[in-house]
Amino acid sequence: MSLMSICQEDKSDYLDMYLDVTEKRDAIYQRVLTPLDESVFGAEIVSLNGMVKAKGVYFLEDGELIPHGSFVFFHPNGKKESEGRYKMGYKVDAWKRYDSTGTEKTSKYYQSDLGNLIQSISE
């Protein structure tokens, strides 16, 4: 799929278990992109059986889609798994985490400039 076509209308691609782009035959997820701007896309990532895995925002830079903005990930039962922000492909700041029943777990904090986990914090 060309990135020019992504810019013009809603499009989708296929992802593997690590959320990397793959061929349809190897896919576990499908990512549906909705243009929000020339280089910003809303995304919903769903399993091939229709369960929502994640919702978030991507930025298009040099032909590559990079997670950039708010993201929410979900457990297979539909309950929220985690939520936080990406900055140019790296997790940043506090990420709230939840167990499969929806109970909040210890948050993780990521250093803004490196995307490295630097500590866990209780909320």
PDB file of N, CA and C in Angstrom:
ATOM      1  N   MET A   1       0.855  -1.163   0.000  1.00  0.00           N
ATOM      2  CA  MET A   1       0.000   0.000   0.000  1.00  0.00           C
ATOM      3  C   MET A   1       0.903   1.228   0.000  1.00  0.00           C
ATOM      4  N   SER A   2       0.617   2.169  -0.857  1.00  0.00           N
ATOM      5  CA  SER A   2       1.455   3.363  -0.897  1.00  0.00           C
ATOM      6  C   SER A   2       1.034   4.326   0.202  1.00  0.00           C
ATOM      7  N   LEU A   3       1.995   5.066   0.718  1.00  0.00           N
ATOM      8  CA  LEU A   3       1.682   6.040   1.758  1.00  0.00           C
ATOM      9  C   LEU A   3       0.883   7.200   1.199  1.00  0.00           C
ATOM     10  N   MET A   4       0.986   7.459  -0.096  1.00  0.00           N
ATOM     11  CA  MET A   4       0.171   8.503  -0.706  1.00  0.00           C
ATOM     12  C   MET A   4      -1.304   8.127  -0.604  1.00  0.00           C
ATOM     13  N   SER A   5      -1.619   6.858  -0.785  1.00  0.00           N
ATOM     14  CA  SER A   5      -3.016   6.444  -0.676  1.00  0.00           C
ATOM     15  C   SER A   5      -3.494   6.522   0.769  1.00  0.00           C
ATOM     16  N   ILE A   6      -2.602   6.295   1.734  1.00  0.00           N
ATOM     17  CA  ILE A   6      -2.969   6.442   3.139  1.00  0.00           C
ATOM     18  C   ILE A   6      -3.391   7.874   3.412  1.00  0.00           C
ATOM     19  N   CYS A   7      -2.668   8.816   2.828  1.00  0.00           N
ATOM     20  CA  CYS A   7      -2.937  10.226   3.075  1.00  0.00           C
ATOM     21  C   CYS A   7      -4.291  10.651   2.531  1.00  0.00           C
ATOM     22  N   GLN A   8      -4.827   9.944   1.561  1.00  0.00           N
ATOM     23  CA  GLN A   8      -6.044  10.375   0.901  1.00  0.00           C
ATOM     24  C   GLN A   8      -7.312   9.825   1.532  1.00  0.00           C
ATOM     25  N   GLU A   9      -7.276   8.685   2.144  1.00  0.00           N
ATOM     26  CA  GLU A   9      -8.481   8.088   2.702  1.00  0.00           C
ATOM     27  C   GLU A   9      -8.111   7.034   3.745  1.00  0.00           C
ATOM     28  N   ASP A  10      -9.162   6.544   4.446  1.00  0.00           N
ATOM     29  CA  ASP A  10      -8.926   5.499   5.441  1.00  0.00           C
ATOM     30  C   ASP A  10      -8.309   4.278   4.760  1.00  0.00           C
ATOM     31  N   LYS A  11      -7.280   3.703   5.382  1.00  0.00           N
ATOM     32  CA  LYS A  11      -6.607   2.519   4.846  1.00  0.00           C
ATOM     33  C   LYS A  11      -6.264   1.594   5.995  1.00  0.00           C
ATOM     34  N   SER A  12      -5.860   0.385   5.642  1.00  0.00           N
ATOM     35  CA  SER A  12      -5.446  -0.550   6.683  1.00  0.00           C
ATOM     36  C   SER A  12      -4.223  -1.317   6.220  1.00  0.00           C
ATOM     37  N   ASP A  13      -3.521  -1.869   7.198  1.00  0.00           N
ATOM     38  CA  ASP A  13      -2.410  -2.761   6.917  1.00  0.00           C
ATOM     39  C   ASP A  13      -2.438  -3.873   7.950  1.00  0.00           C
ATOM     40  N   TYR A  14      -1.558  -4.853   7.787  1.00  0.00           N
ATOM     41  CA  TYR A  14      -1.553  -6.027   8.642  1.00  0.00           C
ATOM     42  C   TYR A  14      -0.321  -6.029   9.533  1.00  0.00           C
ATOM     43  N   LEU A  15      -0.511  -6.519  10.773  1.00  0.00           N
ATOM     44  CA  LEU A  15       0.546  -6.496  11.777  1.00  0.00           C
ATOM     45  C   LEU A  15       0.748  -7.883  12.376  1.00  0.00           C
ATOM     46  N   ASP A  16       1.998  -8.148  12.798  1.00  0.00           N
ATOM     47  CA  ASP A  16       2.295  -9.404  13.477  1.00  0.00           C
ATOM     48  C   ASP A  16       2.093  -9.247  14.980  1.00  0.00           C
ATOM     49  N   MET A  17       2.502 -10.250  15.740  1.00  0.00           N
ATOM     50  CA  MET A  17       2.289 -10.228  17.190  1.00  0.00           C
ATOM     51  C   MET A  17       3.039  -9.097  17.897  1.00  0.00           C
ATOM     52  N   TYR A  18       4.066  -8.535  17.235  1.00  0.00           N
ATOM     53  CA  TYR A  18       4.845  -7.432  17.806  1.00  0.00           C
ATOM     54  C   TYR A  18       4.365  -6.078  17.287  1.00  0.00           C
ATOM     55  N   LEU A  19       3.273  -6.095  16.539  1.00  0.00           N
ATOM     56  CA  LEU A  19       2.672  -4.911  15.919  1.00  0.00           C
ATOM     57  C   LEU A  19       3.558  -4.306  14.836  1.00  0.00           C
ATOM     58  N   ASP A  20       4.368  -5.162  14.209  1.00  0.00           N
ATOM     59  CA  ASP A  20       5.162  -4.770  13.057  1.00  0.00           C
ATOM     60  C   ASP A  20       4.395  -5.140  11.792  1.00  0.00           C
ATOM     61  N   VAL A  21       4.539  -4.331  10.751  1.00  0.00           N
ATOM     62  CA  VAL A  21       3.842  -4.587   9.490  1.00  0.00           C
ATOM     63  C   VAL A  21       4.306  -5.913   8.891  1.00  0.00           C
ATOM     64  N   THR A  22       3.336  -6.683   8.394  1.00  0.00           N
ATOM     65  CA  THR A  22       3.608  -7.985   7.805  1.00  0.00           C
ATOM     66  C   THR A  22       2.631  -8.242   6.667  1.00  0.00           C
ATOM     67  N   GLU A  23       2.775  -9.374   6.026  1.00  0.00           N
ATOM     68  CA  GLU A  23       1.845  -9.796   4.980  1.00  0.00           C
ATOM     69  C   GLU A  23       0.559 -10.320   5.634  1.00  0.00           C
ATOM     70  N   LYS A  24      -0.526 -10.246   4.903  1.00  0.00           N
ATOM     71  CA  LYS A  24      -1.825 -10.688   5.423  1.00  0.00           C
ATOM     72  C   LYS A  24      -1.762 -12.133   5.918  1.00  0.00           C
ATOM     73  N   ARG A  25      -1.064 -12.999   5.190  1.00  0.00           N
ATOM     74  CA  ARG A  25      -1.024 -14.417   5.565  1.00  0.00           C
ATOM     75  C   ARG A  25      -0.336 -14.648   6.911  1.00  0.00           C
ATOM     76  N   ASP A  26       0.522 -13.708   7.351  1.00  0.00           N
ATOM     77  CA  ASP A  26       1.246 -13.838   8.622  1.00  0.00           C
ATOM     78  C   ASP A  26       0.661 -12.957   9.724  1.00  0.00           C
ATOM     79  N   ALA A  27      -0.424 -12.271   9.426  1.00  0.00           N
ATOM     80  CA  ALA A  27      -0.963 -11.268  10.344  1.00  0.00           C
ATOM     81  C   ALA A  27      -1.747 -11.857  11.501  1.00  0.00           C
ATOM     82  N   ILE A  28      -1.684 -11.144  12.606  1.00  0.00           N
ATOM     83  CA  ILE A  28      -2.515 -11.420  13.771  1.00  0.00           C
ATOM     84  C   ILE A  28      -3.475 -10.250  13.981  1.00  0.00           C
ATOM     85  N   TYR A  29      -3.027  -9.054  13.569  1.00  0.00           N
ATOM     86  CA  TYR A  29      -3.809  -7.832  13.738  1.00  0.00           C
ATOM     87  C   TYR A  29      -3.928  -7.080  12.423  1.00  0.00           C
ATOM     88  N   GLN A  30      -4.919  -6.209  12.395  1.00  0.00           N
ATOM     89  CA  GLN A  30      -5.082  -5.286  11.289  1.00  0.00           C
ATOM     90  C   GLN A  30      -5.128  -3.875  11.881  1.00  0.00           C
ATOM     91  N   ARG A  31      -4.408  -2.948  11.265  1.00  0.00           N
ATOM     92  CA  ARG A  31      -4.379  -1.555  11.724  1.00  0.00           C
ATOM     93  C   ARG A  31      -5.154  -0.715  10.706  1.00  0.00           C
ATOM     94  N   VAL A  32      -6.202  -0.061  11.189  1.00  0.00           N
ATOM     95  CA  VAL A  32      -7.005   0.805  10.336  1.00  0.00           C
ATOM     96  C   VAL A  32      -6.612   2.247  10.646  1.00  0.00           C
ATOM     97  N   LEU A  33      -6.163   2.948   9.615  1.00  0.00           N
ATOM     98  CA  LEU A  33      -5.683   4.319   9.762  1.00  0.00           C
ATOM     99  C   LEU A  33      -6.712   5.301   9.229  1.00  0.00           C
ATOM    100  N   THR A  34      -6.926   6.369   9.978  1.00  0.00           N
ATOM    101  CA  THR A  34      -7.813   7.443   9.572  1.00  0.00           C
ATOM    102  C   THR A  34      -7.017   8.742   9.578  1.00  0.00           C
ATOM    103  N   PRO A  35      -6.892   9.407   8.436  1.00  0.00           N
ATOM    104  CA  PRO A  35      -6.128  10.662   8.394  1.00  0.00           C
ATOM    105  C   PRO A  35      -6.757  11.726   9.291  1.00  0.00           C
ATOM    106  N   LEU A  36      -5.920  12.363  10.096  1.00  0.00           N
ATOM    107  CA  LEU A  36      -6.354  13.483  10.931  1.00  0.00           C
ATOM    108  C   LEU A  36      -5.757  14.777  10.408  1.00  0.00           C
ATOM    109  N   ASP A  37      -4.689  14.631   9.630  1.00  0.00           N
ATOM    110  CA  ASP A  37      -3.900  15.746   9.125  1.00  0.00           C
ATOM    111  C   ASP A  37      -3.046  15.160   8.005  1.00  0.00           C
ATOM    112  N   GLU A  38      -2.233  15.969   7.355  1.00  0.00           N
ATOM    113  CA  GLU A  38      -1.368  15.460   6.282  1.00  0.00           C
ATOM    114  C   GLU A  38      -0.419  14.367   6.756  1.00  0.00           C
ATOM    115  N   SER A  39       0.039  14.462   7.998  1.00  0.00           N
ATOM    116  CA  SER A  39       1.022  13.498   8.483  1.00  0.00           C
ATOM    117  C   SER A  39       0.645  12.877   9.826  1.00  0.00           C
ATOM    118  N   VAL A  40      -0.602  13.006  10.232  1.00  0.00           N
ATOM    119  CA  VAL A  40      -1.069  12.454  11.510  1.00  0.00           C
ATOM    120  C   VAL A  40      -2.285  11.569  11.252  1.00  0.00           C
ATOM    121  N   PHE A  41      -2.270  10.370  11.863  1.00  0.00           N
ATOM    122  CA  PHE A  41      -3.321   9.389  11.627  1.00  0.00           C
ATOM    123  C   PHE A  41      -3.831   8.815  12.942  1.00  0.00           C
ATOM    124  N   GLY A  42      -5.130   8.723  13.061  1.00  0.00           N
ATOM    125  CA  GLY A  42      -5.720   7.952  14.136  1.00  0.00           C
ATOM    126  C   GLY A  42      -5.655   6.496  13.725  1.00  0.00           C
ATOM    127  N   ALA A  43      -5.508   5.605  14.675  1.00  0.00           N
ATOM    128  CA  ALA A  43      -5.406   4.186  14.340  1.00  0.00           C
ATOM    129  C   ALA A  43      -6.195   3.354  15.334  1.00  0.00           C
ATOM    130  N   GLU A  44      -6.790   2.294  14.805  1.00  0.00           N
ATOM    131  CA  GLU A  44      -7.393   1.268  15.646  1.00  0.00           C
ATOM    132  C   GLU A  44      -6.767  -0.044  15.208  1.00  0.00           C
ATOM    133  N   ILE A  45      -6.208  -0.756  16.159  1.00  0.00           N
ATOM    134  CA  ILE A  45      -5.578  -2.048  15.881  1.00  0.00           C
ATOM    135  C   ILE A  45      -6.509  -3.121  16.427  1.00  0.00           C
ATOM    136  N   VAL A  46      -6.945  -4.008  15.537  1.00  0.00           N
ATOM    137  CA  VAL A  46      -7.882  -5.058  15.926  1.00  0.00           C
ATOM    138  C   VAL A  46      -7.325  -6.418  15.532  1.00  0.00           C
ATOM    139  N   SER A  47      -7.654  -7.429  16.319  1.00  0.00           N
ATOM    140  CA  SER A  47      -7.264  -8.788  15.949  1.00  0.00           C
ATOM    141  C   SER A  47      -8.087  -9.180  14.726  1.00  0.00           C
ATOM    142  N   LEU A  48      -7.654 -10.208  14.030  1.00  0.00           N
ATOM    143  CA  LEU A  48      -8.370 -10.622  12.827  1.00  0.00           C
ATOM    144  C   LEU A  48      -9.767 -11.161  13.128  1.00  0.00           C
ATOM    145  N   ASN A  49     -10.026 -11.475  14.422  1.00  0.00           N
ATOM    146  CA  ASN A  49     -11.386 -11.887  14.794  1.00  0.00           C
ATOM    147  C   ASN A  49     -12.200 -10.718  15.350  1.00  0.00           C
ATOM    148  N   GLY A  50     -11.656  -9.486  15.233  1.00  0.00           N
ATOM    149  CA  GLY A  50     -12.426  -8.291  15.551  1.00  0.00           C
ATOM    150  C   GLY A  50     -12.269  -7.699  16.935  1.00  0.00           C
ATOM    151  N   MET A  51     -11.391  -8.246  17.778  1.00  0.00           N
ATOM    152  CA  MET A  51     -11.191  -7.700  19.120  1.00  0.00           C
ATOM    153  C   MET A  51     -10.217  -6.527  19.061  1.00  0.00           C
ATOM    154  N   VAL A  52     -10.571  -5.426  19.704  1.00  0.00           N
ATOM    155  CA  VAL A  52      -9.712  -4.241  19.699  1.00  0.00           C
ATOM    156  C   VAL A  52      -8.489  -4.493  20.575  1.00  0.00           C
ATOM    157  N   LYS A  53      -7.305  -4.301  20.015  1.00  0.00           N
ATOM    158  CA  LYS A  53      -6.036  -4.435  20.737  1.00  0.00           C
ATOM    159  C   LYS A  53      -5.535  -3.079  21.215  1.00  0.00           C
ATOM    160  N   ALA A  54      -5.683  -2.043  20.370  1.00  0.00           N
ATOM    161  CA  ALA A  54      -5.158  -0.728  20.728  1.00  0.00           C
ATOM    162  C   ALA A  54      -5.816   0.364  19.897  1.00  0.00           C
ATOM    163  N   LYS A  55      -5.775   1.561  20.446  1.00  0.00           N
ATOM    164  CA  LYS A  55      -6.194   2.768  19.733  1.00  0.00           C
ATOM    165  C   LYS A  55      -5.136   3.822  20.014  1.00  0.00           C
ATOM    166  N   GLY A  56      -4.759   4.561  18.965  1.00  0.00           N
ATOM    167  CA  GLY A  56      -3.742   5.572  19.179  1.00  0.00           C
ATOM    168  C   GLY A  56      -3.538   6.465  17.979  1.00  0.00           C
ATOM    169  N   VAL A  57      -2.422   7.182  18.014  1.00  0.00           N
ATOM    170  CA  VAL A  57      -2.098   8.169  16.990  1.00  0.00           C
ATOM    171  C   VAL A  57      -0.708   7.877  16.431  1.00  0.00           C
ATOM    172  N   TYR A  58      -0.587   7.973  15.112  1.00  0.00           N
ATOM    173  CA  TYR A  58       0.689   7.787  14.421  1.00  0.00           C
ATOM    174  C   TYR A  58       1.056   9.051  13.667  1.00  0.00           C
ATOM    175  N   PHE A  59       2.345   9.260  13.518  1.00  0.00           N
ATOM    176  CA  PHE A  59       2.901  10.373  12.762  1.00  0.00           C
ATOM    177  C   PHE A  59       3.660   9.787  11.582  1.00  0.00           C
ATOM    178  N   LEU A  60       3.481  10.358  10.405  1.00  0.00           N
ATOM    179  CA  LEU A  60       4.184   9.899   9.216  1.00  0.00           C
ATOM    180  C   LEU A  60       5.437  10.741   9.031  1.00  0.00           C
ATOM    181  N   GLU A  61       6.603  10.066   9.089  1.00  0.00           N
ATOM    182  CA  GLU A  61       7.878  10.767   8.912  1.00  0.00           C
ATOM    183  C   GLU A  61       8.763   9.938   7.990  1.00  0.00           C
ATOM    184  N   ASP A  62       9.228  10.563   6.928  1.00  0.00           N
ATOM    185  CA  ASP A  62      10.101   9.891   5.955  1.00  0.00           C
ATOM    186  C   ASP A  62       9.504   8.569   5.480  1.00  0.00           C
ATOM    187  N   GLY A  63       8.195   8.561   5.253  1.00  0.00           N
ATOM    188  CA  GLY A  63       7.534   7.369   4.741  1.00  0.00           C
ATOM    189  C   GLY A  63       7.255   6.291   5.765  1.00  0.00           C
ATOM    190  N   GLU A  64       7.531   6.552   7.025  1.00  0.00           N
ATOM    191  CA  GLU A  64       7.339   5.558   8.087  1.00  0.00           C
ATOM    192  C   GLU A  64       6.299   6.049   9.084  1.00  0.00           C
ATOM    193  N   LEU A  65       5.388   5.163   9.486  1.00  0.00           N
ATOM    194  CA  LEU A  65       4.410   5.481  10.514  1.00  0.00           C
ATOM    195  C   LEU A  65       5.026   5.227  11.882  1.00  0.00           C
ATOM    196  N   ILE A  66       4.999   6.245  12.737  1.00  0.00           N
ATOM    197  CA  ILE A  66       5.629   6.174  14.053  1.00  0.00           C
ATOM    198  C   ILE A  66       4.583   6.486  15.118  1.00  0.00           C
ATOM    199  N   PRO A  67       4.457   5.627  16.146  1.00  0.00           N
ATOM    200  CA  PRO A  67       3.536   5.961  17.240  1.00  0.00           C
ATOM    201  C   PRO A  67       3.941   7.297  17.858  1.00  0.00           C
ATOM    202  N   HIS A  68       2.977   8.216  17.958  1.00  0.00           N
ATOM    203  CA  HIS A  68       3.280   9.550  18.480  1.00  0.00           C
ATOM    204  C   HIS A  68       1.983  10.169  18.999  1.00  0.00           C
ATOM    205  N   GLY A  69       1.810  10.124  20.295  1.00  0.00           N
ATOM    206  CA  GLY A  69       0.596  10.651  20.904  1.00  0.00           C
ATOM    207  C   GLY A  69       0.007   9.635  21.860  1.00  0.00           C
ATOM    208  N   SER A  70      -1.230   9.855  22.211  1.00  0.00           N
ATOM    209  CA  SER A  70      -1.906   8.996  23.183  1.00  0.00           C
ATOM    210  C   SER A  70      -2.230   7.631  22.602  1.00  0.00           C
ATOM    211  N   PHE A  71      -2.053   6.593  23.441  1.00  0.00           N
ATOM    212  CA  PHE A  71      -2.394   5.223  23.074  1.00  0.00           C
ATOM    213  C   PHE A  71      -3.099   4.552  24.240  1.00  0.00           C
ATOM    214  N   VAL A  72      -4.011   3.661  23.901  1.00  0.00           N
ATOM    215  CA  VAL A  72      -4.672   2.808  24.885  1.00  0.00           C
ATOM    216  C   VAL A  72      -4.594   1.383  24.343  1.00  0.00           C
ATOM    217  N   PHE A  73      -4.156   0.440  25.182  1.00  0.00           N
ATOM    218  CA  PHE A  73      -4.102  -0.974  24.827  1.00  0.00           C
ATOM    219  C   PHE A  73      -5.146  -1.711  25.652  1.00  0.00           C
ATOM    220  N   PHE A  74      -5.677  -2.796  25.088  1.00  0.00           N
ATOM    221  CA  PHE A  74      -6.757  -3.533  25.732  1.00  0.00           C
ATOM    222  C   PHE A  74      -6.405  -5.006  25.906  1.00  0.00           C
ATOM    223  N   HIS A  75      -6.906  -5.593  26.997  1.00  0.00           N
ATOM    224  CA  HIS A  75      -6.821  -7.039  27.216  1.00  0.00           C
ATOM    225  C   HIS A  75      -7.776  -7.722  26.233  1.00  0.00           C
ATOM    226  N   PRO A  76      -7.606  -9.032  25.986  1.00  0.00           N
ATOM    227  CA  PRO A  76      -8.527  -9.759  25.092  1.00  0.00           C
ATOM    228  C   PRO A  76      -9.992  -9.690  25.523  1.00  0.00           C
ATOM    229  N   ASN A  77     -10.242  -9.464  26.816  1.00  0.00           N
ATOM    230  CA  ASN A  77     -11.626  -9.372  27.294  1.00  0.00           C
ATOM    231  C   ASN A  77     -12.227  -7.980  27.099  1.00  0.00           C
ATOM    232  N   GLY A  78     -11.454  -7.056  26.500  1.00  0.00           N
ATOM    233  CA  GLY A  78     -11.954  -5.711  26.231  1.00  0.00           C
ATOM    234  C   GLY A  78     -11.645  -4.692  27.306  1.00  0.00           C
ATOM    235  N   LYS A  79     -11.170  -5.147  28.467  1.00  0.00           N
ATOM    236  CA  LYS A  79     -10.808  -4.212  29.539  1.00  0.00           C
ATOM    237  C   LYS A  79      -9.483  -3.535  29.206  1.00  0.00           C
ATOM    238  N   LYS A  80      -9.328  -2.317  29.669  1.00  0.00           N
ATOM    239  CA  LYS A  80      -8.116  -1.551  29.413  1.00  0.00           C
ATOM    240  C   LYS A  80      -6.899  -2.246  30.032  1.00  0.00           C
ATOM    241  N   GLU A  81      -5.823  -2.365  29.252  1.00  0.00           N
ATOM    242  CA  GLU A  81      -4.572  -2.981  29.708  1.00  0.00           C
ATOM    243  C   GLU A  81      -3.558  -1.919  30.135  1.00  0.00           C
ATOM    244  N   SER A  82      -3.432  -0.868  29.314  1.00  0.00           N
ATOM    245  CA  SER A  82      -2.505   0.217  29.642  1.00  0.00           C
ATOM    246  C   SER A  82      -2.866   1.440  28.819  1.00  0.00           C
ATOM    247  N   GLU A  83      -2.380   2.593  29.301  1.00  0.00           N
ATOM    248  CA  GLU A  83      -2.595   3.834  28.557  1.00  0.00           C
ATOM    249  C   GLU A  83      -1.459   4.803  28.866  1.00  0.00           C
ATOM    250  N   GLY A  84      -1.068   5.520  27.833  1.00  0.00           N
ATOM    251  CA  GLY A  84       0.011   6.479  27.989  1.00  0.00           C
ATOM    252  C   GLY A  84       0.290   7.160  26.665  1.00  0.00           C
ATOM    253  N   ARG A  85       1.483   7.746  26.564  1.00  0.00           N
ATOM    254  CA  ARG A  85       1.850   8.493  25.367  1.00  0.00           C
ATOM    255  C   ARG A  85       3.150   7.981  24.769  1.00  0.00           C
ATOM    256  N   TYR A  86       3.223   8.083  23.465  1.00  0.00           N
ATOM    257  CA  TYR A  86       4.455   7.850  22.716  1.00  0.00           C
ATOM    258  C   TYR A  86       4.960   9.194  22.222  1.00  0.00           C
ATOM    259  N   LYS A  87       6.261   9.321  22.160  1.00  0.00           N
ATOM    260  CA  LYS A  87       6.893  10.482  21.542  1.00  0.00           C
ATOM    261  C   LYS A  87       7.857   9.946  20.497  1.00  0.00           C
ATOM    262  N   MET A  88       7.495  10.118  19.234  1.00  0.00           N
ATOM    263  CA  MET A  88       8.301   9.662  18.101  1.00  0.00           C
ATOM    264  C   MET A  88       8.769   8.210  18.259  1.00  0.00           C
ATOM    265  N   GLY A  89       7.833   7.340  18.629  1.00  0.00           N
ATOM    266  CA  GLY A  89       8.095   5.911  18.692  1.00  0.00           C
ATOM    267  C   GLY A  89       8.509   5.366  20.042  1.00  0.00           C
ATOM    268  N   TYR A  90       8.703   6.248  21.022  1.00  0.00           N
ATOM    269  CA  TYR A  90       9.132   5.808  22.359  1.00  0.00           C
ATOM    270  C   TYR A  90       8.056   6.123  23.392  1.00  0.00           C
ATOM    271  N   LYS A  91       7.839   5.179  24.310  1.00  0.00           N
ATOM    272  CA  LYS A  91       6.951   5.454  25.429  1.00  0.00           C
ATOM    273  C   LYS A  91       7.574   6.553  26.278  1.00  0.00           C
ATOM    274  N   VAL A  92       6.730   7.485  26.735  1.00  0.00           N
ATOM    275  CA  VAL A  92       7.210   8.580  27.571  1.00  0.00           C
ATOM    276  C   VAL A  92       6.289   8.781  28.768  1.00  0.00           C
ATOM    277  N   ASP A  93       6.869   9.324  29.816  1.00  0.00           N
ATOM    278  CA  ASP A  93       6.129   9.699  31.016  1.00  0.00           C
ATOM    279  C   ASP A  93       5.456   8.487  31.658  1.00  0.00           C
ATOM    280  N   ALA A  94       4.408   8.732  32.422  1.00  0.00           N
ATOM    281  CA  ALA A  94       3.743   7.653  33.165  1.00  0.00           C
ATOM    282  C   ALA A  94       2.782   6.890  32.262  1.00  0.00           C
ATOM    283  N   TRP A  95       2.861   5.569  32.335  1.00  0.00           N
ATOM    284  CA  TRP A  95       1.907   4.683  31.664  1.00  0.00           C
ATOM    285  C   TRP A  95       1.115   3.972  32.746  1.00  0.00           C
ATOM    286  N   LYS A  96      -0.197   4.191  32.746  1.00  0.00           N
ATOM    287  CA  LYS A  96      -1.062   3.492  33.682  1.00  0.00           C
ATOM    288  C   LYS A  96      -1.282   2.080  33.154  1.00  0.00           C
ATOM    289  N   ARG A  97      -1.317   1.113  34.096  1.00  0.00           N
ATOM    290  CA  ARG A  97      -1.506  -0.287  33.720  1.00  0.00           C
ATOM    291  C   ARG A  97      -2.646  -0.871  34.544  1.00  0.00           C
ATOM    292  N   TYR A  98      -3.328  -1.855  33.963  1.00  0.00           N
ATOM    293  CA  TYR A  98      -4.490  -2.463  34.601  1.00  0.00           C
ATOM    294  C   TYR A  98      -4.435  -3.971  34.421  1.00  0.00           C
ATOM    295  N   ASP A  99      -4.933  -4.705  35.418  1.00  0.00           N
ATOM    296  CA  ASP A  99      -5.025  -6.154  35.237  1.00  0.00           C
ATOM    297  C   ASP A  99      -6.269  -6.465  34.418  1.00  0.00           C
ATOM    298  N   SER A 100      -6.495  -7.724  34.128  1.00  0.00           N
ATOM    299  CA  SER A 100      -7.582  -8.112  33.225  1.00  0.00           C
ATOM    300  C   SER A 100      -8.973  -7.887  33.813  1.00  0.00           C
ATOM    301  N   THR A 101      -9.049  -7.568  35.108  1.00  0.00           N
ATOM    302  CA  THR A 101     -10.353  -7.243  35.701  1.00  0.00           C
ATOM    303  C   THR A 101     -10.611  -5.742  35.706  1.00  0.00           C
ATOM    304  N   GLY A 102      -9.594  -4.946  35.314  1.00  0.00           N
ATOM    305  CA  GLY A 102      -9.745  -3.491  35.291  1.00  0.00           C
ATOM    306  C   GLY A 102      -9.159  -2.792  36.501  1.00  0.00           C
ATOM    307  N   THR A 103      -8.582  -3.566  37.430  1.00  0.00           N
ATOM    308  CA  THR A 103      -7.967  -2.981  38.619  1.00  0.00           C
ATOM    309  C   THR A 103      -6.622  -2.370  38.253  1.00  0.00           C
ATOM    310  N   GLU A 104      -6.403  -1.135  38.707  1.00  0.00           N
ATOM    311  CA  GLU A 104      -5.158  -0.452  38.368  1.00  0.00           C
ATOM    312  C   GLU A 104      -3.961  -1.115  39.049  1.00  0.00           C
ATOM    313  N   LYS A 105      -2.906  -1.287  38.265  1.00  0.00           N
ATOM    314  CA  LYS A 105      -1.643  -1.838  38.751  1.00  0.00           C
ATOM    315  C   LYS A 105      -0.644  -0.694  38.907  1.00  0.00           C
ATOM    316  N   THR A 106       0.562  -1.017  39.322  1.00  0.00           N
ATOM    317  CA  THR A 106       1.616  -0.024  39.442  1.00  0.00           C
ATOM    318  C   THR A 106       1.910   0.568  38.063  1.00  0.00           C
ATOM    319  N   SER A 107       1.948   1.889  38.001  1.00  0.00           N
ATOM    320  CA  SER A 107       2.282   2.564  36.741  1.00  0.00           C
ATOM    321  C   SER A 107       3.764   2.430  36.469  1.00  0.00           C
ATOM    322  N   LYS A 108       4.128   2.591  35.209  1.00  0.00           N
ATOM    323  CA  LYS A 108       5.540   2.620  34.836  1.00  0.00           C
ATOM    324  C   LYS A 108       5.848   3.987  34.257  1.00  0.00           C
ATOM    325  N   TYR A 109       7.023   4.496  34.576  1.00  0.00           N
ATOM    326  CA  TYR A 109       7.433   5.805  34.103  1.00  0.00           C
ATOM    327  C   TYR A 109       8.601   5.642  33.137  1.00  0.00           C
ATOM    328  N   TYR A 110       8.480   6.271  31.971  1.00  0.00           N
ATOM    329  CA  TYR A 110       9.510   6.191  30.934  1.00  0.00           C
ATOM    330  C   TYR A 110      10.154   7.554  30.751  1.00  0.00           C
ATOM    331  N   GLN A 111      11.469   7.557  30.673  1.00  0.00           N
ATOM    332  CA  GLN A 111      12.223   8.790  30.483  1.00  0.00           C
ATOM    333  C   GLN A 111      11.872   9.378  29.121  1.00  0.00           C
ATOM    334  N   SER A 112      11.504  10.636  29.087  1.00  0.00           N
ATOM    335  CA  SER A 112      10.998  11.266  27.877  1.00  0.00           C
ATOM    336  C   SER A 112      11.964  11.248  26.709  1.00  0.00           C
ATOM    337  N   ASP A 113      13.244  11.437  26.939  1.00  0.00           N
ATOM    338  CA  ASP A 113      14.159  11.572  25.811  1.00  0.00           C
ATOM    339  C   ASP A 113      14.677  10.243  25.278  1.00  0.00           C
ATOM    340  N   LEU A 114      14.560   9.172  26.028  1.00  0.00           N
ATOM    341  CA  LEU A 114      15.095   7.886  25.579  1.00  0.00           C
ATOM    342  C   LEU A 114      14.054   6.792  25.441  1.00  0.00           C
ATOM    343  N   GLY A 115      12.883   6.986  26.019  1.00  0.00           N
ATOM    344  CA  GLY A 115      11.886   5.933  25.985  1.00  0.00           C
ATOM    345  C   GLY A 115      12.239   4.761  26.872  1.00  0.00           C
ATOM    346  N   ASN A 116      13.231   4.929  27.743  1.00  0.00           N
ATOM    347  CA  ASN A 116      13.653   3.846  28.628  1.00  0.00           C
ATOM    348  C   ASN A 116      12.831   3.855  29.907  1.00  0.00           C
ATOM    349  N   LEU A 117      12.501   2.702  30.370  1.00  0.00           N
ATOM    350  CA  LEU A 117      11.804   2.596  31.659  1.00  0.00           C
ATOM    351  C   LEU A 117      12.780   3.005  32.746  1.00  0.00           C
ATOM    352  N   ILE A 118      12.405   4.012  33.545  1.00  0.00           N
ATOM    353  CA  ILE A 118      13.331   4.416  34.605  1.00  0.00           C
ATOM    354  C   ILE A 118      12.805   4.098  35.999  1.00  0.00           C
ATOM    355  N   GLN A 119      11.517   3.891  36.143  1.00  0.00           N
ATOM    356  CA  GLN A 119      11.039   3.498  37.447  1.00  0.00           C
ATOM    357  C   GLN A 119       9.585   3.078  37.367  1.00  0.00           C
ATOM    358  N   SER A 120       9.144   2.342  38.354  1.00  0.00           N
ATOM    359  CA  SER A 120       7.738   2.051  38.505  1.00  0.00           C
ATOM    360  C   SER A 120       7.220   2.921  39.636  1.00  0.00           C
ATOM    361  N   ILE A 121       6.015   3.440  39.446  1.00  0.00           N
ATOM    362  CA  ILE A 121       5.435   4.280  40.478  1.00  0.00           C
ATOM    363  C   ILE A 121       4.036   3.805  40.784  1.00  0.00           C
ATOM    364  N   SER A 122       3.648   3.890  42.026  1.00  0.00           N
ATOM    365  CA  SER A 122       2.297   3.532  42.408  1.00  0.00           C
ATOM    366  C   SER A 122       1.412   4.751  42.285  1.00  0.00           C
ATOM    367  N   GLU A 123       0.213   4.526  41.814  1.00  0.00           N
ATOM    368  CA  GLU A 123      -0.750   5.619  41.672  1.00  0.00           C
ATOM    369  C   GLU A 123      -1.782   5.497  42.763  1.00  0.00           C
TER     370      GLU A 123
END
